[in-house]
Amino acid sequence: MEITIWSDFVCPFCYIGQTHLERAMENFDHADEITISHKSFELMPGAKHDPSKDFYQSFADLKGTTYEQAKQMNDQVTEMAARTGLTFNMSQMKMADTMPAHRVFQYAKTEGKDDEYFKAFYHAYFENGALISDEDTIVTLAESVGLDGQTVRDILADENKFKAEANLDIFQAGQVGVQGVPFFVFDNKYAVSGAQPVEVFQQVLDQVYANEQAEA
């Protein structure tokens, strides 16, 4: 079974949703037959880190809301993550342009490291407050999953390297009707949108596997 996930490194529901999927896989007898692949998606194109603002103010400015509303919304997400066993450190998070990391992600895919790469960036962004648009940060995280640091620097030095591949993923998202992320596609047939509960993913896994067996 192949599961394709459109997601972005700064999407809290993507991190939560994949964690829910993995929890469901723990109770799925055929988990060893599953392969997970990722596709790029820009949740906040053009977002930039402003050192003079904390994350809540940056989020409020981007969304056109108040600081208090931004904090309330993100506190609710933090609580949701905590119920999943994840620790979101919102006060230390930094708004970031994710395209550079997505371009390097396309290289990670060629090395079979896409899932490890995404998880490293989720953890760094949400839990460690890393600025994931920073070159040294991207290189360090890429190296942590076994990628070549100099190759990563070469990619980051040329804005056109792997940009077409990242943009193709984003274009394909529009073609299949992705309105938001995370967006999960099972065996190129069955779609699930959002950070669904573990129970929903368990039902989907069972149903997709049953359909596969019926068609075999």
Protein backbone atom coordinates (compact mmCIF):
# COMPACT_ATOMS: atom_id res chain seq x y z
CA MET A 1 0.00 0.00 0.00
CA GLU A 2 1.32 3.42 -0.95
CA ILE A 3 0.39 6.54 1.00
CA THR A 4 1.22 9.92 -0.51
CA ILE A 5 1.09 12.98 1.74
CA TRP A 6 0.98 16.60 0.59
CA SER A 7 2.28 18.70 3.47
CA ASP A 8 4.40 21.63 4.58
CA PHE A 9 7.01 21.77 7.32
CA VAL A 10 5.23 24.65 9.12
CA CYS A 11 1.79 23.01 9.08
CA PRO A 12 0.90 21.86 12.61
CA PHE A 13 -1.95 19.68 11.38
CA CYS A 14 0.45 17.93 8.99
CA TYR A 15 2.69 16.93 11.91
CA ILE A 16 -0.30 15.91 14.01
CA GLY A 17 -1.98 14.10 11.11
CA GLN A 18 1.06 12.03 10.21
CA THR A 19 1.50 11.14 13.88
CA HIS A 20 -2.11 9.94 13.97
CA LEU A 21 -1.50 7.88 10.81
CA GLU A 22 1.56 6.26 12.37
CA ARG A 23 -0.40 5.46 15.54
CA ALA A 24 -3.01 3.75 13.35
CA MET A 25 -0.29 1.81 11.53
CA GLU A 26 0.92 0.42 14.87
CA ASN A 27 -2.38 -1.48 15.08
CA PHE A 28 -2.47 -2.48 11.41
CA ASP A 29 -1.34 -6.04 10.70
CA HIS A 30 0.05 -5.16 7.27
CA ALA A 31 2.01 -2.03 8.21
CA ASP A 32 5.21 -3.54 6.83
CA GLU A 33 3.61 -3.44 3.37
CA ILE A 34 3.08 0.35 3.51
CA THR A 35 5.34 2.91 1.86
CA ILE A 36 4.95 6.61 2.68
CA SER A 37 6.00 9.33 0.28
CA HIS A 38 5.68 13.10 0.55
CA LYS A 39 4.91 15.94 -1.83
CA SER A 40 5.68 19.62 -1.38
CA PHE A 41 3.03 22.19 -0.51
CA GLU A 42 3.45 25.83 0.53
CA LEU A 43 1.06 26.69 3.34
CA MET A 44 2.19 30.31 3.66
CA PRO A 45 4.04 31.28 0.46
CA GLY A 46 6.41 34.18 0.96
CA ALA A 47 6.31 34.09 4.77
CA LYS A 48 9.41 35.63 6.31
CA HIS A 49 11.02 35.64 9.73
CA ASP A 50 11.08 39.04 11.43
CA PRO A 51 13.37 38.95 14.51
CA SER A 52 11.54 41.95 15.97
CA LYS A 53 8.28 39.98 16.26
CA ASP A 54 7.38 36.82 18.13
CA PHE A 55 5.54 34.04 16.34
CA TYR A 56 2.09 35.14 17.50
CA GLN A 57 2.57 38.66 16.12
CA SER A 58 3.96 37.33 12.84
CA PHE A 59 1.00 34.95 12.54
CA ALA A 60 -1.46 37.74 13.37
CA ASP A 61 0.06 40.01 10.72
CA LEU A 62 0.02 37.25 8.11
CA LYS A 63 -3.59 36.27 8.80
CA GLY A 64 -4.90 39.79 9.39
CA THR A 65 -6.06 39.09 12.93
CA THR A 66 -5.23 40.34 16.41
CA TYR A 67 -2.37 39.15 18.60
CA GLU A 68 -4.86 37.75 21.14
CA GLN A 69 -6.77 35.82 18.46
CA ALA A 70 -3.54 34.47 17.00
CA LYS A 71 -2.39 33.29 20.42
CA GLN A 72 -5.75 31.68 21.18
CA MET A 73 -5.80 29.80 17.87
CA ASN A 74 -2.26 28.55 18.28
CA ASP A 75 -2.78 27.61 21.93
CA GLN A 76 -5.66 25.39 20.81
CA VAL A 77 -3.36 23.72 18.28
CA THR A 78 -0.75 23.22 21.01
CA GLU A 79 -3.35 21.46 23.16
CA MET A 80 -4.35 19.25 20.24
CA ALA A 81 -0.70 18.34 19.67
CA ALA A 82 -0.23 17.55 23.35
CA ARG A 83 -3.09 15.05 23.21
CA THR A 84 -1.17 13.35 20.42
CA GLY A 85 2.00 13.26 22.50
CA LEU A 86 3.74 16.14 20.70
CA THR A 87 5.22 19.17 22.43
CA PHE A 88 4.75 22.38 20.43
CA ASN A 89 6.88 25.29 21.59
CA MET A 90 4.88 28.10 19.98
CA SER A 91 6.58 30.92 21.88
CA GLN A 92 9.91 29.94 20.28
CA MET A 93 8.65 29.16 16.77
CA LYS A 94 9.82 31.33 13.86
CA MET A 95 7.86 32.17 10.74
CA ALA A 96 9.72 30.90 7.69
CA ASP A 97 9.73 30.74 3.91
CA THR A 98 9.68 26.98 3.30
CA MET A 99 10.59 26.92 -0.41
CA PRO A 100 14.36 26.51 0.22
CA ALA A 101 13.66 23.53 2.49
CA HIS A 102 11.25 22.12 -0.10
CA ARG A 103 13.89 22.36 -2.83
CA VAL A 104 16.30 20.39 -0.66
CA PHE A 105 13.46 18.00 0.15
CA GLN A 106 13.25 17.16 -3.55
CA TYR A 107 16.90 16.10 -3.34
CA ALA A 108 16.06 14.08 -0.21
CA LYS A 109 13.44 12.23 -2.25
CA THR A 110 16.05 11.17 -4.79
CA GLU A 111 18.00 9.66 -1.89
CA GLY A 112 14.98 7.87 -0.39
CA LYS A 113 15.05 10.13 2.67
CA ASP A 114 11.84 12.10 2.22
CA ASP A 115 9.94 10.79 5.27
CA GLU A 116 12.96 11.15 7.57
CA TYR A 117 13.57 14.65 6.19
CA PHE A 118 10.01 15.79 6.88
CA LYS A 119 10.07 14.45 10.42
CA ALA A 120 13.38 16.16 11.16
CA PHE A 121 11.98 19.50 10.00
CA TYR A 122 8.69 19.07 11.88
CA HIS A 123 10.57 18.40 15.11
CA ALA A 124 13.02 21.25 14.58
CA TYR A 125 10.33 23.78 13.72
CA PHE A 126 7.59 22.95 16.20
CA GLU A 127 9.57 21.66 19.15
CA ASN A 128 13.00 23.29 18.95
CA GLY A 129 12.16 26.71 17.55
CA ALA A 130 14.56 26.33 14.61
CA LEU A 131 14.56 28.86 11.78
CA ILE A 132 14.07 26.38 8.96
CA SER A 133 14.69 28.94 6.22
CA ASP A 134 18.26 29.44 7.46
CA GLU A 135 20.94 27.80 5.30
CA ASP A 136 23.00 26.36 8.16
CA THR A 137 19.86 24.99 9.81
CA ILE A 138 18.72 23.30 6.60
CA VAL A 139 22.17 21.80 6.08
CA THR A 140 22.37 20.51 9.67
CA LEU A 141 18.93 18.92 9.49
CA ALA A 142 19.64 17.42 6.07
CA GLU A 143 22.90 15.95 7.31
CA SER A 144 21.09 14.50 10.33
CA VAL A 145 19.14 12.22 8.00
CA GLY A 146 22.19 11.23 5.97
CA LEU A 147 22.24 13.78 3.14
CA ASP A 148 25.42 15.39 1.86
CA GLY A 149 25.89 18.85 3.32
CA GLN A 150 27.84 20.31 0.41
CA THR A 151 25.23 19.13 -2.05
CA VAL A 152 22.59 20.85 0.07
CA ARG A 153 24.58 24.10 0.07
CA ASP A 154 24.93 23.88 -3.71
CA ILE A 155 21.16 23.49 -4.05
CA LEU A 156 20.47 26.43 -1.75
CA ALA A 157 22.96 28.61 -3.66
CA ASP A 158 20.98 28.21 -6.89
CA GLU A 159 17.30 29.15 -6.51
CA ASN A 160 16.42 27.20 -9.64
CA LYS A 161 17.77 23.87 -8.44
CA PHE A 162 14.87 21.50 -7.70
CA LYS A 163 12.40 24.40 -7.85
CA ALA A 164 10.59 22.89 -10.85
CA GLU A 165 10.16 19.62 -8.95
CA ALA A 166 8.75 21.40 -5.89
CA ASN A 167 6.42 23.48 -8.05
CA LEU A 168 5.26 20.33 -9.85
CA ASP A 169 4.17 18.83 -6.52
CA ILE A 170 2.28 22.03 -5.73
CA PHE A 171 0.68 22.07 -9.20
CA GLN A 172 -0.38 18.43 -8.81
CA ALA A 173 -2.02 19.33 -5.52
CA GLY A 174 -4.29 21.71 -7.37
CA GLN A 175 -4.98 19.11 -10.05
CA VAL A 176 -6.25 16.57 -7.52
CA GLY A 177 -8.30 19.14 -5.62
CA VAL A 178 -6.16 19.73 -2.55
CA GLN A 179 -7.69 22.66 -0.67
CA GLY A 180 -5.43 22.39 2.34
CA VAL A 181 -2.90 20.16 4.01
CA PRO A 182 -2.30 17.53 5.19
CA PHE A 183 -3.82 15.63 2.29
CA PHE A 184 -3.37 11.87 2.23
CA VAL A 185 -3.87 9.69 -0.85
CA PHE A 186 -3.97 5.91 -0.44
CA ASP A 187 -2.95 3.86 -3.48
CA ASN A 188 -3.68 6.82 -5.77
CA LYS A 189 -7.39 6.20 -5.23
CA TYR A 190 -8.62 7.14 -1.78
CA ALA A 191 -8.18 10.61 -0.28
CA VAL A 192 -8.28 11.74 3.32
CA SER A 193 -7.98 15.43 4.20
CA GLY A 194 -6.86 16.93 7.49
CA ALA A 195 -5.50 15.67 10.80
CA GLN A 196 -8.10 12.97 11.23
CA PRO A 197 -8.31 10.98 14.48
CA VAL A 198 -6.35 7.74 14.81
CA GLU A 199 -9.60 5.76 14.57
CA VAL A 200 -10.40 7.25 11.17
CA PHE A 201 -6.99 6.30 9.79
CA GLN A 202 -7.44 2.79 11.19
CA GLN A 203 -10.74 2.46 9.34
CA VAL A 204 -9.20 3.78 6.12
CA LEU A 205 -6.25 1.39 6.32
CA ASP A 206 -8.57 -1.57 6.88
CA GLN A 207 -10.91 -0.53 4.07
CA VAL A 208 -8.17 0.17 1.53
CA TYR A 209 -6.51 -3.16 2.31
CA ALA A 210 -9.83 -4.98 2.00
CA ASN A 211 -10.46 -3.31 -1.36
CA GLU A 212 -6.98 -4.30 -2.53
CA GLN A 213 -7.63 -7.93 -1.63
CA ALA A 214 -11.00 -7.90 -3.36
CA GLU A 215 -9.43 -6.55 -6.55
CA ALA A 216 -6.46 -8.95 -6.49
